[in-house]
Amino acid sequence: MRNRAQLALGIILILLGALFIAQMQVPLVRQWMDMYMQYPLNVVAIGVLILVVGLLLGVPAMAIPAAVVAGIGGILYYQVKASDMQSWEYMWALIPGFVGVGMILAGLLGRNMHEARSGVNLMVISAVLFIVFAAFFGKLSLLGAYGPALLLVVLGLWVLLRGLFRGNNNRKNSDNT
């Protein structure tokens, strides 16, 4: 698996380098890239490229860095289009959710449902953190003054209940053996 991941990274670097050389040498490629690959969409495209290479090489785990790179590209796209660079104060909380999306994809592609479930957990945590920090920095007034605190309490309860149920399931499984 490790050799495949290194192979995927090597292929991605070679393809990106070849694309940059072609951009400098071939006017048609330069025109195409100027139209479709402008910052920050090129960051999203690199994420897609990582995913495609991972799929072609049979390395589903490449979906995780692909989702992170594409997700950060999406954040940058929003910030550029909305002229809202201050949003990074709370947008960073989405990055664990991007890891979660990648884990779900990797889990589904590799038939590892435990990894996919862990990805869902990361997405929930990321969404709650995003809402809390967005509300804290005044960008989200939907929840009112107590919204961030209530979301943290709900998140804490969710984590506690998951831990309790997981602990009970582990004890039941060990009793059955």
C-alpha atoms as a PDB file:
ATOM      1  CA  MET A   1       0.000   0.000   0.000  1.00  0.00           C
ATOM      2  CA  ARG A   2       2.813   2.420   0.898  1.00  0.00           C
ATOM      3  CA  ASN A   3       4.523   1.825  -2.448  1.00  0.00           C
ATOM      4  CA  ARG A   4       1.266   2.581  -4.252  1.00  0.00           C
ATOM      5  CA  ALA A   5       0.866   5.845  -2.360  1.00  0.00           C
ATOM      6  CA  GLN A   6       4.433   6.857  -3.283  1.00  0.00           C
ATOM      7  CA  LEU A   7       3.735   5.863  -6.877  1.00  0.00           C
ATOM      8  CA  ALA A   8       0.580   8.014  -6.854  1.00  0.00           C
ATOM      9  CA  LEU A   9       2.445  10.998  -5.434  1.00  0.00           C
ATOM     10  CA  GLY A  10       5.221  10.619  -8.015  1.00  0.00           C
ATOM     11  CA  ILE A  11       2.713  10.457 -10.881  1.00  0.00           C
ATOM     12  CA  ILE A  12       0.853  13.520  -9.585  1.00  0.00           C
ATOM     13  CA  LEU A  13       4.066  15.530  -9.360  1.00  0.00           C
ATOM     14  CA  ILE A  14       5.142  14.475 -12.865  1.00  0.00           C
ATOM     15  CA  LEU A  15       1.715  15.361 -14.325  1.00  0.00           C
ATOM     16  CA  LEU A  16       1.675  18.752 -12.623  1.00  0.00           C
ATOM     17  CA  GLY A  17       5.208  19.516 -13.794  1.00  0.00           C
ATOM     18  CA  ALA A  18       4.349  18.457 -17.360  1.00  0.00           C
ATOM     19  CA  LEU A  19       1.235  20.630 -17.265  1.00  0.00           C
ATOM     20  CA  PHE A  20       3.224  23.662 -16.116  1.00  0.00           C
ATOM     21  CA  ILE A  21       5.840  23.094 -18.830  1.00  0.00           C
ATOM     22  CA  ALA A  22       3.093  22.717 -21.456  1.00  0.00           C
ATOM     23  CA  GLN A  23       1.491  25.926 -20.201  1.00  0.00           C
ATOM     24  CA  MET A  24       4.728  27.809 -20.808  1.00  0.00           C
ATOM     25  CA  GLN A  25       5.467  26.229 -24.191  1.00  0.00           C
ATOM     26  CA  VAL A  26       2.095  25.633 -25.893  1.00  0.00           C
ATOM     27  CA  PRO A  27      -0.105  28.710 -26.435  1.00  0.00           C
ATOM     28  CA  LEU A  28      -3.302  26.625 -26.686  1.00  0.00           C
ATOM     29  CA  VAL A  29      -2.636  25.033 -23.283  1.00  0.00           C
ATOM     30  CA  ARG A  30      -1.858  28.485 -21.846  1.00  0.00           C
ATOM     31  CA  GLN A  31      -5.189  29.833 -23.159  1.00  0.00           C
ATOM     32  CA  TRP A  32      -7.104  26.859 -21.763  1.00  0.00           C
ATOM     33  CA  MET A  33      -5.466  27.211 -18.361  1.00  0.00           C
ATOM     34  CA  ASP A  34      -6.066  30.962 -18.314  1.00  0.00           C
ATOM     35  CA  MET A  35      -9.782  30.333 -18.914  1.00  0.00           C
ATOM     36  CA  TYR A  36     -10.425  27.350 -16.684  1.00  0.00           C
ATOM     37  CA  MET A  37      -7.607  26.974 -14.211  1.00  0.00           C
ATOM     38  CA  GLN A  38      -7.394  30.310 -12.495  1.00  0.00           C
ATOM     39  CA  TYR A  39      -6.708  30.608  -8.814  1.00  0.00           C
ATOM     40  CA  PRO A  40      -8.314  29.211  -6.689  1.00  0.00           C
ATOM     41  CA  LEU A  41     -10.054  26.710  -8.974  1.00  0.00           C
ATOM     42  CA  ASN A  42      -6.654  25.246  -9.807  1.00  0.00           C
ATOM     43  CA  VAL A  43      -6.406  24.138  -6.156  1.00  0.00           C
ATOM     44  CA  VAL A  44      -9.729  22.304  -6.514  1.00  0.00           C
ATOM     45  CA  ALA A  45      -8.492  20.756  -9.770  1.00  0.00           C
ATOM     46  CA  ILE A  46      -5.351  19.481  -8.033  1.00  0.00           C
ATOM     47  CA  GLY A  47      -7.587  17.816  -5.442  1.00  0.00           C
ATOM     48  CA  VAL A  48      -9.560  16.132  -8.213  1.00  0.00           C
ATOM     49  CA  LEU A  49      -6.310  15.036  -9.874  1.00  0.00           C
ATOM     50  CA  ILE A  50      -5.127  13.459  -6.610  1.00  0.00           C
ATOM     51  CA  LEU A  51      -8.405  11.550  -6.361  1.00  0.00           C
ATOM     52  CA  VAL A  52      -8.293  10.346  -9.971  1.00  0.00           C
ATOM     53  CA  VAL A  53      -4.694   9.148  -9.701  1.00  0.00           C
ATOM     54  CA  GLY A  54      -5.527   7.389  -6.422  1.00  0.00           C
ATOM     55  CA  LEU A  55      -8.472   5.638  -8.056  1.00  0.00           C
ATOM     56  CA  LEU A  56      -6.461   4.611 -11.101  1.00  0.00           C
ATOM     57  CA  LEU A  57      -3.737   3.134  -8.907  1.00  0.00           C
ATOM     58  CA  GLY A  58      -6.157   1.439  -6.531  1.00  0.00           C
ATOM     59  CA  VAL A  59      -5.228   3.559  -3.512  1.00  0.00           C
ATOM     60  CA  PRO A  60      -8.565   4.621  -1.990  1.00  0.00           C
ATOM     61  CA  ALA A  61      -6.762   6.389   0.885  1.00  0.00           C
ATOM     62  CA  MET A  62      -5.711   9.097  -1.623  1.00  0.00           C
ATOM     63  CA  ALA A  63      -9.309  10.342  -1.315  1.00  0.00           C
ATOM     64  CA  ILE A  64      -8.382  11.897   2.040  1.00  0.00           C
ATOM     65  CA  PRO A  65      -5.704  14.342   0.819  1.00  0.00           C
ATOM     66  CA  ALA A  66      -7.770  14.883  -2.332  1.00  0.00           C
ATOM     67  CA  ALA A  67     -10.771  16.003  -0.268  1.00  0.00           C
ATOM     68  CA  VAL A  68      -8.619  18.269   1.913  1.00  0.00           C
ATOM     69  CA  VAL A  69      -6.934  19.968  -1.068  1.00  0.00           C
ATOM     70  CA  ALA A  70     -10.223  20.365  -2.976  1.00  0.00           C
ATOM     71  CA  GLY A  71     -11.987  21.615   0.168  1.00  0.00           C
ATOM     72  CA  ILE A  72      -9.329  24.233   0.851  1.00  0.00           C
ATOM     73  CA  GLY A  73      -9.657  25.248  -2.800  1.00  0.00           C
ATOM     74  CA  GLY A  74     -13.386  25.672  -2.199  1.00  0.00           C
ATOM     75  CA  ILE A  75     -12.742  27.870   0.833  1.00  0.00           C
ATOM     76  CA  LEU A  76     -10.299  29.983  -1.172  1.00  0.00           C
ATOM     77  CA  TYR A  77     -12.824  30.238  -4.023  1.00  0.00           C
ATOM     78  CA  TYR A  78     -15.472  31.529  -1.611  1.00  0.00           C
ATOM     79  CA  GLN A  79     -13.045  34.002  -0.067  1.00  0.00           C
ATOM     80  CA  VAL A  80     -11.965  35.380  -3.442  1.00  0.00           C
ATOM     81  CA  LYS A  81     -15.495  35.633  -4.874  1.00  0.00           C
ATOM     82  CA  ALA A  82     -17.001  37.137  -1.717  1.00  0.00           C
ATOM     83  CA  SER A  83     -13.932  39.283  -0.911  1.00  0.00           C
ATOM     84  CA  ASP A  84     -14.132  37.812   2.579  1.00  0.00           C
ATOM     85  CA  MET A  85     -10.587  36.946   3.626  1.00  0.00           C
ATOM     86  CA  GLN A  86     -11.530  37.478   7.281  1.00  0.00           C
ATOM     87  CA  SER A  87     -13.666  34.334   7.096  1.00  0.00           C
ATOM     88  CA  TRP A  88     -10.544  32.259   7.727  1.00  0.00           C
ATOM     89  CA  GLU A  89     -11.187  33.025  11.425  1.00  0.00           C
ATOM     90  CA  TYR A  90     -13.827  30.283  11.368  1.00  0.00           C
ATOM     91  CA  MET A  91     -13.463  28.546   7.976  1.00  0.00           C
ATOM     92  CA  TRP A  92     -10.506  26.493   9.202  1.00  0.00           C
ATOM     93  CA  ALA A  93     -13.011  24.481  11.243  1.00  0.00           C
ATOM     94  CA  LEU A  94     -14.187  22.897   7.978  1.00  0.00           C
ATOM     95  CA  ILE A  95     -10.848  21.148   7.385  1.00  0.00           C
ATOM     96  CA  PRO A  96     -11.592  18.201   9.709  1.00  0.00           C
ATOM     97  CA  GLY A  97     -14.856  17.843   7.775  1.00  0.00           C
ATOM     98  CA  PHE A  98     -12.884  17.626   4.540  1.00  0.00           C
ATOM     99  CA  VAL A  99     -10.835  14.850   6.121  1.00  0.00           C
ATOM    100  CA  GLY A 100     -14.151  13.222   7.022  1.00  0.00           C
ATOM    101  CA  VAL A 101     -15.373  13.450   3.427  1.00  0.00           C
ATOM    102  CA  GLY A 102     -12.126  11.852   2.281  1.00  0.00           C
ATOM    103  CA  MET A 103     -12.471   9.102   4.884  1.00  0.00           C
ATOM    104  CA  ILE A 104     -16.011   8.382   3.733  1.00  0.00           C
ATOM    105  CA  LEU A 105     -14.867   8.168   0.114  1.00  0.00           C
ATOM    106  CA  ALA A 106     -11.862   6.026   1.048  1.00  0.00           C
ATOM    107  CA  GLY A 107     -14.061   3.791   3.198  1.00  0.00           C
ATOM    108  CA  LEU A 108     -16.638   3.326   0.457  1.00  0.00           C
ATOM    109  CA  LEU A 109     -14.035   2.758  -2.251  1.00  0.00           C
ATOM    110  CA  GLY A 110     -12.006   0.387  -0.071  1.00  0.00           C
ATOM    111  CA  ARG A 111     -15.090  -1.274   1.429  1.00  0.00           C
ATOM    112  CA  ASN A 112     -14.093  -0.225   4.945  1.00  0.00           C
ATOM    113  CA  MET A 113     -17.303   0.888   6.663  1.00  0.00           C
ATOM    114  CA  HIS A 114     -15.510   1.627   9.954  1.00  0.00           C
ATOM    115  CA  GLU A 115     -13.450   4.283   8.162  1.00  0.00           C
ATOM    116  CA  ALA A 116     -16.596   5.694   6.549  1.00  0.00           C
ATOM    117  CA  ARG A 117     -18.340   5.925   9.947  1.00  0.00           C
ATOM    118  CA  SER A 118     -15.308   7.692  11.394  1.00  0.00           C
ATOM    119  CA  GLY A 119     -15.537  10.151   8.497  1.00  0.00           C
ATOM    120  CA  VAL A 120     -19.148  10.940   9.371  1.00  0.00           C
ATOM    121  CA  ASN A 121     -18.077  11.621  12.968  1.00  0.00           C
ATOM    122  CA  LEU A 122     -15.424  14.071  11.771  1.00  0.00           C
ATOM    123  CA  MET A 123     -17.939  15.831   9.543  1.00  0.00           C
ATOM    124  CA  VAL A 124     -20.363  16.297  12.460  1.00  0.00           C
ATOM    125  CA  ILE A 125     -17.634  17.644  14.735  1.00  0.00           C
ATOM    126  CA  SER A 126     -16.395  19.950  11.980  1.00  0.00           C
ATOM    127  CA  ALA A 127     -19.888  21.275  11.266  1.00  0.00           C
ATOM    128  CA  VAL A 128     -20.519  22.045  14.934  1.00  0.00           C
ATOM    129  CA  LEU A 129     -17.145  23.765  15.297  1.00  0.00           C
ATOM    130  CA  PHE A 130     -17.775  25.766  12.130  1.00  0.00           C
ATOM    131  CA  ILE A 131     -21.158  26.964  13.407  1.00  0.00           C
ATOM    132  CA  VAL A 132     -19.762  27.775  16.859  1.00  0.00           C
ATOM    133  CA  PHE A 133     -16.808  29.757  15.519  1.00  0.00           C
ATOM    134  CA  ALA A 134     -18.880  31.501  12.839  1.00  0.00           C
ATOM    135  CA  ALA A 135     -21.376  32.565  15.506  1.00  0.00           C
ATOM    136  CA  PHE A 136     -18.567  33.595  17.885  1.00  0.00           C
ATOM    137  CA  PHE A 137     -17.009  35.841  15.228  1.00  0.00           C
ATOM    138  CA  GLY A 138     -20.392  37.394  14.452  1.00  0.00           C
ATOM    139  CA  LYS A 139     -20.879  35.894  11.008  1.00  0.00           C
ATOM    140  CA  LEU A 140     -23.817  33.713  12.037  1.00  0.00           C
ATOM    141  CA  SER A 141     -26.608  35.138  14.170  1.00  0.00           C
ATOM    142  CA  LEU A 142     -29.075  32.362  13.353  1.00  0.00           C
ATOM    143  CA  LEU A 143     -28.620  30.694  16.747  1.00  0.00           C
ATOM    144  CA  GLY A 144     -28.729  33.799  18.920  1.00  0.00           C
ATOM    145  CA  ALA A 145     -26.438  34.665  21.792  1.00  0.00           C
ATOM    146  CA  TYR A 146     -26.577  31.203  23.404  1.00  0.00           C
ATOM    147  CA  GLY A 147     -26.170  29.258  20.146  1.00  0.00           C
ATOM    148  CA  PRO A 148     -22.428  28.522  20.321  1.00  0.00           C
ATOM    149  CA  ALA A 149     -22.626  27.425  23.958  1.00  0.00           C
ATOM    150  CA  LEU A 150     -25.641  25.185  23.296  1.00  0.00           C
ATOM    151  CA  LEU A 151     -23.924  23.608  20.300  1.00  0.00           C
ATOM    152  CA  LEU A 152     -20.883  22.820  22.415  1.00  0.00           C
ATOM    153  CA  VAL A 153     -23.116  21.177  25.030  1.00  0.00           C
ATOM    154  CA  VAL A 154     -24.871  19.129  22.326  1.00  0.00           C
ATOM    155  CA  LEU A 155     -21.525  18.114  20.846  1.00  0.00           C
ATOM    156  CA  GLY A 156     -20.251  17.113  24.286  1.00  0.00           C
ATOM    157  CA  LEU A 157     -23.361  15.006  24.930  1.00  0.00           C
ATOM    158  CA  TRP A 158     -22.991  13.356  21.540  1.00  0.00           C
ATOM    159  CA  VAL A 159     -19.351  12.473  22.231  1.00  0.00           C
ATOM    160  CA  LEU A 160     -20.212  11.121  25.694  1.00  0.00           C
ATOM    161  CA  LEU A 161     -23.112   9.010  24.458  1.00  0.00           C
ATOM    162  CA  ARG A 162     -21.060   7.590  21.579  1.00  0.00           C
ATOM    163  CA  GLY A 163     -18.316   6.675  24.031  1.00  0.00           C
ATOM    164  CA  LEU A 164     -20.775   5.018  26.409  1.00  0.00           C
ATOM    165  CA  PHE A 165     -22.461   3.007  23.676  1.00  0.00           C
ATOM    166  CA  ARG A 166     -19.147   2.028  22.134  1.00  0.00           C
ATOM    167  CA  GLY A 167     -17.885   0.949  25.567  1.00  0.00           C
ATOM    168  CA  ASN A 168     -21.005  -1.183  26.157  1.00  0.00           C
ATOM    169  CA  ASN A 169     -20.683  -2.811  22.739  1.00  0.00           C
ATOM    170  CA  ASN A 170     -17.029  -3.649  23.400  1.00  0.00           C
ATOM    171  CA  ARG A 171     -17.947  -5.243  26.767  1.00  0.00           C
ATOM    172  CA  LYS A 172     -20.755  -7.295  25.173  1.00  0.00           C
ATOM    173  CA  ASN A 173     -18.424  -8.532  22.439  1.00  0.00           C
ATOM    174  CA  SER A 174     -15.756  -9.546  24.969  1.00  0.00           C
ATOM    175  CA  ASP A 175     -18.376 -11.332  27.131  1.00  0.00           C
ATOM    176  CA  ASN A 176     -19.528 -13.388  24.146  1.00  0.00           C
ATOM    177  CA  THR A 177     -16.054 -14.782  23.458  1.00  0.00           C
END
